[in-house]
Amino acid sequence: MSSPADIYMVTGGGLMSYAPNLVDQFRRATGYVDRILKGAKPGDLPVQNPTTFELVINLKTAKALGLTMPPTLLARADEVIE
């Protein structure tokens, strides 16, 4: 699941979105909470970058723009909106 704002943009007519997976980020944040509750100082914890991303493509918008999406791109997409 990408960011809700990203999904809304694509379902609302945006062409595509490539964004971090929020569920994965929340899961990883629980590790930080655990370490803080065990006494770690938040300023001492390393910054973590997102590790998983999701690609969402809106084919209706692509067709309206006269674009043809390559089959390989569609195959890699996590979600294709038709």
N, C-alpha and C. Protein backbone atom coordinates (compact mmCIF):
# COMPACT_ATOMS: atom_id res chain seq x y z
N MET A 1 0.85 -1.18 0.00
CA MET A 1 0.00 0.00 0.00
C MET A 1 0.89 1.23 0.00
N SER A 2 0.78 2.01 -1.02
CA SER A 2 1.50 3.27 -1.09
C SER A 2 0.82 4.29 -0.20
N SER A 3 1.41 5.47 -0.20
CA SER A 3 0.80 6.57 0.54
C SER A 3 -0.61 6.81 0.03
N PRO A 4 -1.58 7.02 0.94
CA PRO A 4 -2.95 7.28 0.48
C PRO A 4 -3.04 8.44 -0.50
N ALA A 5 -2.24 9.48 -0.29
CA ALA A 5 -2.27 10.62 -1.21
C ALA A 5 -1.85 10.19 -2.60
N ASP A 6 -0.86 9.30 -2.70
CA ASP A 6 -0.41 8.83 -4.01
C ASP A 6 -1.49 8.00 -4.70
N ILE A 7 -2.15 7.14 -3.95
CA ILE A 7 -3.22 6.31 -4.51
C ILE A 7 -4.37 7.19 -4.98
N TYR A 8 -4.73 8.19 -4.17
CA TYR A 8 -5.83 9.07 -4.55
C TYR A 8 -5.50 9.85 -5.81
N MET A 9 -4.25 10.25 -5.97
CA MET A 9 -3.88 10.98 -7.18
C MET A 9 -4.03 10.11 -8.42
N VAL A 10 -3.62 8.85 -8.31
CA VAL A 10 -3.70 7.96 -9.47
C VAL A 10 -5.15 7.56 -9.74
N THR A 11 -5.91 7.24 -8.69
CA THR A 11 -7.31 6.88 -8.91
C THR A 11 -8.12 8.09 -9.34
N GLY A 12 -7.66 9.29 -9.01
CA GLY A 12 -8.34 10.52 -9.41
C GLY A 12 -7.96 11.00 -10.79
N GLY A 13 -7.11 10.26 -11.49
CA GLY A 13 -6.77 10.64 -12.85
C GLY A 13 -5.29 10.82 -13.12
N GLY A 14 -4.46 10.71 -12.10
CA GLY A 14 -3.02 10.80 -12.31
C GLY A 14 -2.52 9.63 -13.12
N LEU A 15 -1.43 9.81 -13.82
CA LEU A 15 -0.91 8.75 -14.68
C LEU A 15 -0.29 7.59 -13.90
N MET A 16 0.61 7.92 -12.99
CA MET A 16 1.26 6.86 -12.23
C MET A 16 1.88 7.41 -10.95
N SER A 17 2.20 6.50 -10.06
CA SER A 17 2.82 6.85 -8.79
C SER A 17 3.86 5.79 -8.45
N TYR A 18 5.00 6.24 -7.97
CA TYR A 18 6.04 5.34 -7.48
C TYR A 18 6.41 5.87 -6.11
N ALA A 19 5.96 5.20 -5.05
CA ALA A 19 6.10 5.74 -3.70
C ALA A 19 6.44 4.64 -2.70
N PRO A 20 6.99 5.02 -1.55
CA PRO A 20 7.30 4.03 -0.51
C PRO A 20 6.05 3.32 -0.01
N ASN A 21 6.22 2.09 0.39
CA ASN A 21 5.16 1.28 0.96
C ASN A 21 4.99 1.69 2.42
N LEU A 22 3.86 2.29 2.76
CA LEU A 22 3.64 2.79 4.12
C LEU A 22 3.53 1.68 5.16
N VAL A 23 2.93 0.57 4.80
CA VAL A 23 2.80 -0.54 5.75
C VAL A 23 4.18 -1.00 6.18
N ASP A 24 5.09 -1.12 5.23
CA ASP A 24 6.47 -1.53 5.56
C ASP A 24 7.14 -0.50 6.46
N GLN A 25 6.92 0.77 6.19
CA GLN A 25 7.54 1.82 7.02
C GLN A 25 7.01 1.77 8.45
N PHE A 26 5.71 1.54 8.61
CA PHE A 26 5.14 1.45 9.95
C PHE A 26 5.68 0.23 10.70
N ARG A 27 5.84 -0.88 9.99
CA ARG A 27 6.40 -2.08 10.63
C ARG A 27 7.82 -1.80 11.12
N ARG A 28 8.59 -1.13 10.30
CA ARG A 28 9.97 -0.84 10.68
C ARG A 28 10.03 0.17 11.82
N ALA A 29 9.04 1.07 11.90
CA ALA A 29 9.02 2.07 12.97
C ALA A 29 8.81 1.42 14.33
N THR A 30 8.15 0.27 14.36
CA THR A 30 7.94 -0.39 15.65
C THR A 30 9.26 -0.78 16.29
N GLY A 31 10.26 -1.07 15.49
CA GLY A 31 11.59 -1.36 16.02
C GLY A 31 12.18 -0.16 16.73
N TYR A 32 11.94 1.02 16.18
CA TYR A 32 12.41 2.25 16.82
C TYR A 32 11.69 2.48 18.15
N VAL A 33 10.38 2.28 18.14
CA VAL A 33 9.60 2.45 19.37
C VAL A 33 10.11 1.50 20.44
N ASP A 34 10.36 0.27 20.07
CA ASP A 34 10.87 -0.72 21.01
C ASP A 34 12.20 -0.27 21.60
N ARG A 35 13.09 0.20 20.76
CA ARG A 35 14.41 0.63 21.25
C ARG A 35 14.30 1.85 22.16
N ILE A 36 13.40 2.78 21.83
CA ILE A 36 13.22 3.98 22.66
C ILE A 36 12.64 3.59 24.02
N LEU A 37 11.66 2.69 24.01
CA LEU A 37 11.07 2.25 25.28
C LEU A 37 12.07 1.49 26.15
N LYS A 38 13.08 0.91 25.52
CA LYS A 38 14.12 0.21 26.28
C LYS A 38 15.25 1.14 26.70
N GLY A 39 15.10 2.46 26.41
CA GLY A 39 16.06 3.42 26.92
C GLY A 39 16.96 4.09 25.90
N ALA A 40 16.87 3.73 24.64
CA ALA A 40 17.72 4.37 23.64
C ALA A 40 17.29 5.82 23.44
N LYS A 41 18.25 6.67 23.18
CA LYS A 41 17.94 8.07 22.91
C LYS A 41 17.56 8.21 21.43
N PRO A 42 16.42 8.84 21.13
CA PRO A 42 16.00 8.98 19.74
C PRO A 42 17.06 9.63 18.85
N GLY A 43 17.82 10.58 19.39
CA GLY A 43 18.85 11.24 18.60
C GLY A 43 20.01 10.34 18.24
N ASP A 44 20.15 9.22 18.95
CA ASP A 44 21.24 8.28 18.68
C ASP A 44 20.86 7.22 17.65
N LEU A 45 19.59 7.12 17.32
CA LEU A 45 19.14 6.10 16.37
C LEU A 45 19.40 6.55 14.94
N PRO A 46 19.84 5.65 14.09
CA PRO A 46 20.12 6.02 12.70
C PRO A 46 18.83 6.28 11.92
N VAL A 47 18.93 7.13 10.94
CA VAL A 47 17.79 7.40 10.06
C VAL A 47 17.68 6.24 9.08
N GLN A 48 16.46 5.75 8.89
CA GLN A 48 16.25 4.66 7.94
C GLN A 48 15.49 5.18 6.73
N ASN A 49 15.96 4.84 5.57
CA ASN A 49 15.28 5.19 4.33
C ASN A 49 14.30 4.08 3.97
N PRO A 50 13.26 4.39 3.22
CA PRO A 50 12.33 3.34 2.77
C PRO A 50 13.09 2.29 1.95
N THR A 51 12.64 1.05 2.09
CA THR A 51 13.29 -0.05 1.36
C THR A 51 12.39 -0.67 0.31
N THR A 52 11.09 -0.50 0.45
CA THR A 52 10.17 -1.06 -0.54
C THR A 52 9.30 0.06 -1.12
N PHE A 53 9.11 -0.01 -2.41
CA PHE A 53 8.32 1.00 -3.12
C PHE A 53 7.25 0.29 -3.94
N GLU A 54 6.18 1.02 -4.25
CA GLU A 54 5.09 0.47 -5.05
C GLU A 54 4.84 1.35 -6.27
N LEU A 55 4.61 0.69 -7.39
CA LEU A 55 4.30 1.36 -8.65
C LEU A 55 2.83 1.14 -8.97
N VAL A 56 2.09 2.23 -9.14
CA VAL A 56 0.67 2.17 -9.50
C VAL A 56 0.50 2.93 -10.81
N ILE A 57 -0.19 2.31 -11.77
CA ILE A 57 -0.37 2.91 -13.10
C ILE A 57 -1.86 2.98 -13.42
N ASN A 58 -2.28 4.11 -13.97
CA ASN A 58 -3.66 4.31 -14.39
C ASN A 58 -3.71 4.21 -15.92
N LEU A 59 -4.22 3.08 -16.43
CA LEU A 59 -4.28 2.87 -17.87
C LEU A 59 -5.30 3.76 -18.56
N LYS A 60 -6.38 4.11 -17.86
CA LYS A 60 -7.39 4.99 -18.45
C LYS A 60 -6.78 6.36 -18.77
N THR A 61 -5.97 6.88 -17.86
CA THR A 61 -5.30 8.16 -18.09
C THR A 61 -4.27 8.03 -19.21
N ALA A 62 -3.55 6.92 -19.23
CA ALA A 62 -2.56 6.71 -20.30
C ALA A 62 -3.24 6.71 -21.67
N LYS A 63 -4.37 6.03 -21.77
CA LYS A 63 -5.10 6.00 -23.05
C LYS A 63 -5.60 7.39 -23.43
N ALA A 64 -6.10 8.15 -22.42
CA ALA A 64 -6.60 9.50 -22.70
C ALA A 64 -5.49 10.42 -23.20
N LEU A 65 -4.25 10.17 -22.75
CA LEU A 65 -3.10 10.96 -23.18
C LEU A 65 -2.47 10.43 -24.46
N GLY A 66 -2.99 9.31 -24.95
CA GLY A 66 -2.43 8.72 -26.16
C GLY A 66 -1.14 7.97 -25.92
N LEU A 67 -0.93 7.51 -24.70
CA LEU A 67 0.29 6.78 -24.35
C LEU A 67 0.02 5.29 -24.34
N THR A 68 1.01 4.54 -24.76
CA THR A 68 0.96 3.09 -24.68
C THR A 68 1.99 2.65 -23.66
N MET A 69 1.53 2.00 -22.63
CA MET A 69 2.45 1.52 -21.59
C MET A 69 3.08 0.20 -22.03
N PRO A 70 4.39 0.11 -21.93
CA PRO A 70 5.05 -1.14 -22.31
C PRO A 70 4.59 -2.29 -21.41
N PRO A 71 4.40 -3.47 -21.99
CA PRO A 71 3.96 -4.62 -21.20
C PRO A 71 4.91 -4.94 -20.04
N THR A 72 6.19 -4.69 -20.24
CA THR A 72 7.14 -4.97 -19.16
C THR A 72 6.92 -4.04 -17.97
N LEU A 73 6.55 -2.78 -18.24
CA LEU A 73 6.24 -1.84 -17.16
C LEU A 73 4.97 -2.26 -16.43
N LEU A 74 3.96 -2.65 -17.19
CA LEU A 74 2.71 -3.12 -16.59
C LEU A 74 2.93 -4.37 -15.75
N ALA A 75 3.82 -5.24 -16.21
CA ALA A 75 4.10 -6.47 -15.45
C ALA A 75 4.79 -6.17 -14.14
N ARG A 76 5.57 -5.11 -14.09
CA ARG A 76 6.30 -4.75 -12.86
C ARG A 76 5.44 -3.95 -11.89
N ALA A 77 4.33 -3.39 -12.36
CA ALA A 77 3.48 -2.56 -11.51
C ALA A 77 2.85 -3.39 -10.41
N ASP A 78 2.74 -2.79 -9.23
CA ASP A 78 2.08 -3.46 -8.12
C ASP A 78 0.56 -3.39 -8.27
N GLU A 79 0.09 -2.33 -8.92
CA GLU A 79 -1.34 -2.17 -9.16
C GLU A 79 -1.54 -1.44 -10.47
N VAL A 80 -2.47 -1.95 -11.28
CA VAL A 80 -2.82 -1.32 -12.55
C VAL A 80 -4.30 -1.00 -12.49
N ILE A 81 -4.62 0.29 -12.65
CA ILE A 81 -6.01 0.74 -12.63
C ILE A 81 -6.49 0.85 -14.06
N GLU A 82 -7.58 0.15 -14.38
CA GLU A 82 -8.07 0.15 -15.76
C GLU A 82 -9.30 0.99 -15.93
